[in-house]
All heavy atoms as atom14 arrays in JSON, in Angstrom:
{
  "sequence": "DTCRPEEAGLADKQFTLIRETGYATFETVQI",
  "atom14_mask": [
    [1, 1, 1, 1, 1, 1, 1, 1, 0, 0, 0, 0, 0, 0],
    [1, 1, 1, 1, 1, 1, 1, 0, 0, 0, 0, 0, 0, 0],
    [1, 1, 1, 1, 1, 1, 0, 0, 0, 0, 0, 0, 0, 0],
    [1, 1, 1, 1, 1, 1, 1, 1, 1, 1, 1, 0, 0, 0],
    [1, 1, 1, 1, 1, 1, 1, 0, 0, 0, 0, 0, 0, 0],
    [1, 1, 1, 1, 1, 1, 1, 1, 1, 0, 0, 0, 0, 0],
    [1, 1, 1, 1, 1, 1, 1, 1, 1, 0, 0, 0, 0, 0],
    [1, 1, 1, 1, 1, 0, 0, 0, 0, 0, 0, 0, 0, 0],
    [1, 1, 1, 1, 0, 0, 0, 0, 0, 0, 0, 0, 0, 0],
    [1, 1, 1, 1, 1, 1, 1, 1, 0, 0, 0, 0, 0, 0],
    [1, 1, 1, 1, 1, 0, 0, 0, 0, 0, 0, 0, 0, 0],
    [1, 1, 1, 1, 1, 1, 1, 1, 0, 0, 0, 0, 0, 0],
    [1, 1, 1, 1, 1, 1, 1, 1, 1, 0, 0, 0, 0, 0],
    [1, 1, 1, 1, 1, 1, 1, 1, 1, 0, 0, 0, 0, 0],
    [1, 1, 1, 1, 1, 1, 1, 1, 1, 1, 1, 0, 0, 0],
    [1, 1, 1, 1, 1, 1, 1, 0, 0, 0, 0, 0, 0, 0],
    [1, 1, 1, 1, 1, 1, 1, 1, 0, 0, 0, 0, 0, 0],
    [1, 1, 1, 1, 1, 1, 1, 1, 0, 0, 0, 0, 0, 0],
    [1, 1, 1, 1, 1, 1, 1, 1, 1, 1, 1, 0, 0, 0],
    [1, 1, 1, 1, 1, 1, 1, 1, 1, 0, 0, 0, 0, 0],
    [1, 1, 1, 1, 1, 1, 1, 0, 0, 0, 0, 0, 0, 0],
    [1, 1, 1, 1, 0, 0, 0, 0, 0, 0, 0, 0, 0, 0],
    [1, 1, 1, 1, 1, 1, 1, 1, 1, 1, 1, 1, 0, 0],
    [1, 1, 1, 1, 1, 0, 0, 0, 0, 0, 0, 0, 0, 0],
    [1, 1, 1, 1, 1, 1, 1, 0, 0, 0, 0, 0, 0, 0],
    [1, 1, 1, 1, 1, 1, 1, 1, 1, 1, 1, 0, 0, 0],
    [1, 1, 1, 1, 1, 1, 1, 1, 1, 0, 0, 0, 0, 0],
    [1, 1, 1, 1, 1, 1, 1, 0, 0, 0, 0, 0, 0, 0],
    [1, 1, 1, 1, 1, 1, 1, 0, 0, 0, 0, 0, 0, 0],
    [1, 1, 1, 1, 1, 1, 1, 1, 1, 0, 0, 0, 0, 0],
    [1, 1, 1, 1, 1, 1, 1, 1, 0, 0, 0, 0, 0, 0]
  ],
  "atom14_positions": [
    [[6.41, 4.28, 5.1], [7.45, 4.27, 6.14], [7.07, 3.4, 7.33], [7.94, 2.94, 8.07], [7.73, 5.7, 6.64], [8.4, 6.57, 5.6], [9.06, 6.02, 4.69], [8.24, 7.8, 5.68], [0.0, 0.0, 0.0], [0.0, 0.0, 0.0], [0.0, 0.0, 0.0], [0.0, 0.0, 0.0], [0.0, 0.0, 0.0], [0.0, 0.0, 0.0]],
    [[5.77, 3.21, 7.55], [5.32, 2.4, 8.68], [5.28, 0.91, 8.35], [5.0, 0.1, 9.24], [3.91, 2.84, 9.15], [2.93, 2.48, 8.17], [3.86, 4.34, 9.41], [0.0, 0.0, 0.0], [0.0, 0.0, 0.0], [0.0, 0.0, 0.0], [0.0, 0.0, 0.0], [0.0, 0.0, 0.0], [0.0, 0.0, 0.0], [0.0, 0.0, 0.0]],
    [[5.52, 0.56, 7.09], [5.45, -0.83, 6.66], [6.83, -1.47, 6.65], [7.86, -0.77, 6.56], [4.84, -0.93, 5.26], [3.15, -0.33, 5.15], [0.0, 0.0, 0.0], [0.0, 0.0, 0.0], [0.0, 0.0, 0.0], [0.0, 0.0, 0.0], [0.0, 0.0, 0.0], [0.0, 0.0, 0.0], [0.0, 0.0, 0.0], [0.0, 0.0, 0.0]],
    [[6.86, -2.78, 6.71], [8.11, -3.51, 6.56], [8.7, -3.16, 5.2], [7.96, -3.03, 4.22], [7.83, -5.02, 6.67], [9.05, -5.86, 7.0], [8.64, -7.24, 7.42], [7.86, -7.92, 6.39], [7.34, -9.14, 6.53], [7.48, -9.8, 7.66], [6.65, -9.68, 5.55], [0.0, 0.0, 0.0], [0.0, 0.0, 0.0], [0.0, 0.0, 0.0]],
    [[10.03, -2.97, 5.1], [10.62, -2.48, 3.85], [10.18, -3.25, 2.6], [9.92, -2.65, 1.57], [12.13, -2.63, 4.1], [12.27, -2.48, 5.57], [11.03, -3.11, 6.18], [0.0, 0.0, 0.0], [0.0, 0.0, 0.0], [0.0, 0.0, 0.0], [0.0, 0.0, 0.0], [0.0, 0.0, 0.0], [0.0, 0.0, 0.0], [0.0, 0.0, 0.0]],
    [[10.08, -4.58, 2.72], [9.67, -5.36, 1.54], [8.2, -5.17, 1.18], [7.76, -5.59, 0.11], [9.97, -6.85, 1.75], [9.42, -7.44, 3.03], [10.43, -7.41, 4.16], [11.18, -6.41, 4.27], [10.48, -8.4, 4.93], [0.0, 0.0, 0.0], [0.0, 0.0, 0.0], [0.0, 0.0, 0.0], [0.0, 0.0, 0.0], [0.0, 0.0, 0.0]],
    [[7.43, -4.52, 2.09], [6.02, -4.26, 1.82], [5.79, -2.83, 1.31], [4.69, -2.5, 0.87], [5.2, -4.45, 3.11], [5.28, -5.83, 3.72], [4.4, -6.83, 2.99], [3.46, -6.41, 2.3], [4.67, -8.05, 3.11], [0.0, 0.0, 0.0], [0.0, 0.0, 0.0], [0.0, 0.0, 0.0], [0.0, 0.0, 0.0], [0.0, 0.0, 0.0]],
    [[6.81, -1.98, 1.38], [6.64, -0.57, 1.04], [6.24, -0.38, -0.41], [5.41, 0.48, -0.73], [7.92, 0.21, 1.34], [0.0, 0.0, 0.0], [0.0, 0.0, 0.0], [0.0, 0.0, 0.0], [0.0, 0.0, 0.0], [0.0, 0.0, 0.0], [0.0, 0.0, 0.0], [0.0, 0.0, 0.0], [0.0, 0.0, 0.0], [0.0, 0.0, 0.0]],
    [[6.79, -1.17, -1.31], [6.43, -1.07, -2.73], [4.97, -1.37, -2.97], [4.3, -0.7, -3.77], [0.0, 0.0, 0.0], [0.0, 0.0, 0.0], [0.0, 0.0, 0.0], [0.0, 0.0, 0.0], [0.0, 0.0, 0.0], [0.0, 0.0, 0.0], [0.0, 0.0, 0.0], [0.0, 0.0, 0.0], [0.0, 0.0, 0.0], [0.0, 0.0, 0.0]],
    [[4.45, -2.38, -2.25], [3.03, -2.72, -2.36], [2.17, -1.55, -1.9], [1.16, -1.22, -2.53], [2.72, -3.96, -1.52], [1.23, -4.3, -1.34], [0.61, -4.65, -2.68], [1.05, -5.46, -0.35], [0.0, 0.0, 0.0], [0.0, 0.0, 0.0], [0.0, 0.0, 0.0], [0.0, 0.0, 0.0], [0.0, 0.0, 0.0], [0.0, 0.0, 0.0]],
    [[2.58, -0.9, -0.8], [1.82, 0.25, -0.3], [1.77, 1.36, -1.34], [0.72, 1.97, -1.57], [2.45, 0.76, 1.0], [0.0, 0.0, 0.0], [0.0, 0.0, 0.0], [0.0, 0.0, 0.0], [0.0, 0.0, 0.0], [0.0, 0.0, 0.0], [0.0, 0.0, 0.0], [0.0, 0.0, 0.0], [0.0, 0.0, 0.0], [0.0, 0.0, 0.0]],
    [[2.89, 1.64, -1.99], [2.92, 2.69, -3.02], [1.99, 2.33, -4.19], [1.28, 3.19, -4.73], [4.34, 2.9, -3.53], [5.24, 3.57, -2.49], [4.69, 4.26, -1.62], [6.47, 3.38, -2.55], [0.0, 0.0, 0.0], [0.0, 0.0, 0.0], [0.0, 0.0, 0.0], [0.0, 0.0, 0.0], [0.0, 0.0, 0.0], [0.0, 0.0, 0.0]],
    [[1.97, 1.05, -4.58], [1.08, 0.61, -5.66], [-0.38, 0.78, -5.26], [-1.22, 1.14, -6.08], [1.37, -0.85, -6.01], [2.69, -1.07, -6.74], [2.89, -2.54, -7.06], [4.23, -2.75, -7.78], [4.47, -4.19, -8.07], [0.0, 0.0, 0.0], [0.0, 0.0, 0.0], [0.0, 0.0, 0.0], [0.0, 0.0, 0.0], [0.0, 0.0, 0.0]],
    [[-0.68, 0.51, -3.98], [-2.05, 0.65, -3.52], [-2.5, 2.11, -3.56], [-3.66, 2.41, -3.87], [-2.19, 0.09, -2.1], [-2.02, -1.41, -2.0], [-3.04, -2.18, -2.81], [-4.16, -1.74, -2.99], [-2.66, -3.36, -3.28], [0.0, 0.0, 0.0], [0.0, 0.0, 0.0], [0.0, 0.0, 0.0], [0.0, 0.0, 0.0], [0.0, 0.0, 0.0]],
    [[-1.6, 3.05, -3.28], [-1.98, 4.46, -3.35], [-2.24, 4.87, -4.8], [-3.09, 5.71, -5.07], [-0.91, 5.34, -2.7], [-1.15, 5.57, -1.24], [-0.71, 4.65, -0.3], [-1.84, 6.69, -0.81], [-0.96, 4.84, 1.05], [-2.09, 6.9, 0.54], [-1.64, 5.96, 1.47], [0.0, 0.0, 0.0], [0.0, 0.0, 0.0], [0.0, 0.0, 0.0]],
    [[-1.52, 4.28, -5.74], [-1.81, 4.52, -7.15], [-3.21, 4.02, -7.48], [-3.98, 4.7, -8.17], [-0.78, 3.8, -8.04], [0.53, 4.3, -7.74], [-1.08, 4.03, -9.51], [0.0, 0.0, 0.0], [0.0, 0.0, 0.0], [0.0, 0.0, 0.0], [0.0, 0.0, 0.0], [0.0, 0.0, 0.0], [0.0, 0.0, 0.0], [0.0, 0.0, 0.0]],
    [[-3.56, 2.84, -6.97], [-4.9, 2.28, -7.19], [-5.98, 3.17, -6.57], [-7.03, 3.4, -7.17], [-4.97, 0.87, -6.6], [-6.32, 0.13, -6.71], [-6.64, -0.11, -8.18], [-6.27, -1.18, -5.95], [0.0, 0.0, 0.0], [0.0, 0.0, 0.0], [0.0, 0.0, 0.0], [0.0, 0.0, 0.0], [0.0, 0.0, 0.0], [0.0, 0.0, 0.0]],
    [[-5.7, 3.69, -5.38], [-6.67, 4.55, -4.7], [-6.92, 5.81, -5.53], [-8.06, 6.26, -5.69], [-6.17, 4.93, -3.29], [-6.13, 3.68, -2.4], [-7.05, 6.0, -2.66], [-5.34, 3.87, -1.13], [0.0, 0.0, 0.0], [0.0, 0.0, 0.0], [0.0, 0.0, 0.0], [0.0, 0.0, 0.0], [0.0, 0.0, 0.0], [0.0, 0.0, 0.0]],
    [[-5.85, 6.38, -6.1], [-6.01, 7.58, -6.94], [-6.88, 7.27, -8.16], [-7.64, 8.12, -8.62], [-4.65, 8.1, -7.39], [-3.85, 8.79, -6.28], [-2.7, 9.59, -6.86], [-1.72, 8.76, -7.52], [-0.67, 8.21, -6.94], [-0.47, 8.4, -5.64], [0.18, 7.48, -7.62], [0.0, 0.0, 0.0], [0.0, 0.0, 0.0], [0.0, 0.0, 0.0]],
    [[-6.77, 6.05, -8.68], [-7.49, 5.69, -9.9], [-8.94, 5.28, -9.63], [-9.84, 5.6, -10.42], [-6.76, 4.55, -10.62], [-5.39, 4.96, -11.16], [-4.61, 3.78, -11.7], [-5.09, 2.63, -11.53], [-3.54, 4.0, -12.3], [0.0, 0.0, 0.0], [0.0, 0.0, 0.0], [0.0, 0.0, 0.0], [0.0, 0.0, 0.0], [0.0, 0.0, 0.0]],
    [[-9.18, 4.55, -8.53], [-10.5, 3.98, -8.29], [-11.25, 4.59, -7.11], [-12.45, 4.42, -6.98], [-10.4, 2.46, -8.05], [-9.67, 2.23, -6.83], [-9.68, 1.78, -9.19], [0.0, 0.0, 0.0], [0.0, 0.0, 0.0], [0.0, 0.0, 0.0], [0.0, 0.0, 0.0], [0.0, 0.0, 0.0], [0.0, 0.0, 0.0], [0.0, 0.0, 0.0]],
    [[-10.52, 5.27, -6.23], [-11.15, 5.87, -5.07], [-11.13, 5.02, -3.81], [-11.51, 5.49, -2.74], [0.0, 0.0, 0.0], [0.0, 0.0, 0.0], [0.0, 0.0, 0.0], [0.0, 0.0, 0.0], [0.0, 0.0, 0.0], [0.0, 0.0, 0.0], [0.0, 0.0, 0.0], [0.0, 0.0, 0.0], [0.0, 0.0, 0.0], [0.0, 0.0, 0.0]],
    [[-10.67, 3.77, -3.92], [-10.63, 2.91, -2.73], [-9.66, 1.76, -2.96], [-9.24, 1.47, -4.1], [-12.02, 2.34, -2.4], [-12.55, 1.4, -3.45], [-12.34, 0.03, -3.36], [-13.24, 1.87, -4.57], [-12.8, -0.84, -4.33], [-13.7, 1.03, -5.54], [-13.49, -0.33, -5.42], [-13.93, -1.18, -6.4], [0.0, 0.0, 0.0], [0.0, 0.0, 0.0]],
    [[-9.32, 1.06, -1.87], [-8.48, -0.13, -1.96], [-8.59, -0.9, -0.66], [-8.78, -0.32, 0.41], [-7.02, 0.23, -2.24], [0.0, 0.0, 0.0], [0.0, 0.0, 0.0], [0.0, 0.0, 0.0], [0.0, 0.0, 0.0], [0.0, 0.0, 0.0], [0.0, 0.0, 0.0], [0.0, 0.0, 0.0], [0.0, 0.0, 0.0], [0.0, 0.0, 0.0]],
    [[-8.49, -2.23, -0.75], [-8.44, -3.12, 0.41], [-7.28, -4.07, 0.21], [-7.17, -4.7, -0.85], [-9.74, -3.91, 0.57], [-10.83, -3.0, 0.73], [-9.69, -4.83, 1.78], [0.0, 0.0, 0.0], [0.0, 0.0, 0.0], [0.0, 0.0, 0.0], [0.0, 0.0, 0.0], [0.0, 0.0, 0.0], [0.0, 0.0, 0.0], [0.0, 0.0, 0.0]],
    [[-6.39, -4.14, 1.21], [-5.23, -5.01, 1.06], [-4.67, -5.37, 2.42], [-5.09, -4.81, 3.45], [-4.16, -4.34, 0.19], [-3.64, -3.02, 0.73], [-2.46, -2.96, 1.47], [-4.34, -1.84, 0.49], [-1.98, -1.75, 1.96], [-3.87, -0.62, 0.98], [-2.69, -0.58, 1.7], [0.0, 0.0, 0.0], [0.0, 0.0, 0.0], [0.0, 0.0, 0.0]],
    [[-3.75, -6.31, 2.45], [-3.05, -6.68, 3.68], [-1.59, -6.3, 3.55], [-1.02, -6.34, 2.45], [-3.19, -8.18, 3.95], [-4.62, -8.6, 4.27], [-4.73, -10.09, 4.6], [-3.67, -10.78, 4.59], [-5.85, -10.56, 4.85], [0.0, 0.0, 0.0], [0.0, 0.0, 0.0], [0.0, 0.0, 0.0], [0.0, 0.0, 0.0], [0.0, 0.0, 0.0]],
    [[-1.0, -5.9, 4.66], [0.42, -5.55, 4.68], [0.99, -5.88, 6.05], [0.26, -6.33, 6.94], [0.63, -4.06, 4.34], [2.02, -3.81, 4.15], [0.08, -3.16, 5.43], [0.0, 0.0, 0.0], [0.0, 0.0, 0.0], [0.0, 0.0, 0.0], [0.0, 0.0, 0.0], [0.0, 0.0, 0.0], [0.0, 0.0, 0.0], [0.0, 0.0, 0.0]],
    [[2.28, -5.68, 6.2], [2.93, -5.93, 7.49], [3.55, -4.61, 7.96], [4.38, -4.01, 7.26], [4.02, -7.02, 7.38], [4.7, -7.2, 8.74], [3.4, -8.33, 6.91], [0.0, 0.0, 0.0], [0.0, 0.0, 0.0], [0.0, 0.0, 0.0], [0.0, 0.0, 0.0], [0.0, 0.0, 0.0], [0.0, 0.0, 0.0], [0.0, 0.0, 0.0]],
    [[3.11, -4.18, 9.11], [3.6, -2.94, 9.7], [4.76, -3.25, 10.64], [4.74, -4.25, 11.35], [2.46, -2.28, 10.48], [2.77, -0.92, 11.07], [1.56, -0.4, 11.84], [1.25, -0.89, 12.92], [0.87, 0.57, 11.26], [0.0, 0.0, 0.0], [0.0, 0.0, 0.0], [0.0, 0.0, 0.0], [0.0, 0.0, 0.0], [0.0, 0.0, 0.0]],
    [[5.77, -2.39, 10.62], [6.88, -2.55, 11.55], [6.88, -1.37, 12.51], [6.87, -0.21, 12.09], [8.24, -2.69, 10.8], [9.36, -2.94, 11.81], [8.52, -1.47, 9.94], [10.65, -3.42, 11.16], [0.0, 0.0, 0.0], [0.0, 0.0, 0.0], [0.0, 0.0, 0.0], [0.0, 0.0, 0.0], [0.0, 0.0, 0.0], [0.0, 0.0, 0.0]]
  ]
}
């Protein structure tokens, strides 16, 4: 919800990665 709408899908994918690997590093745009 804090990300730009077009970035929200990427954020959800990153949380899937975090659940699988325990960590993630990425860039996004916050609104």
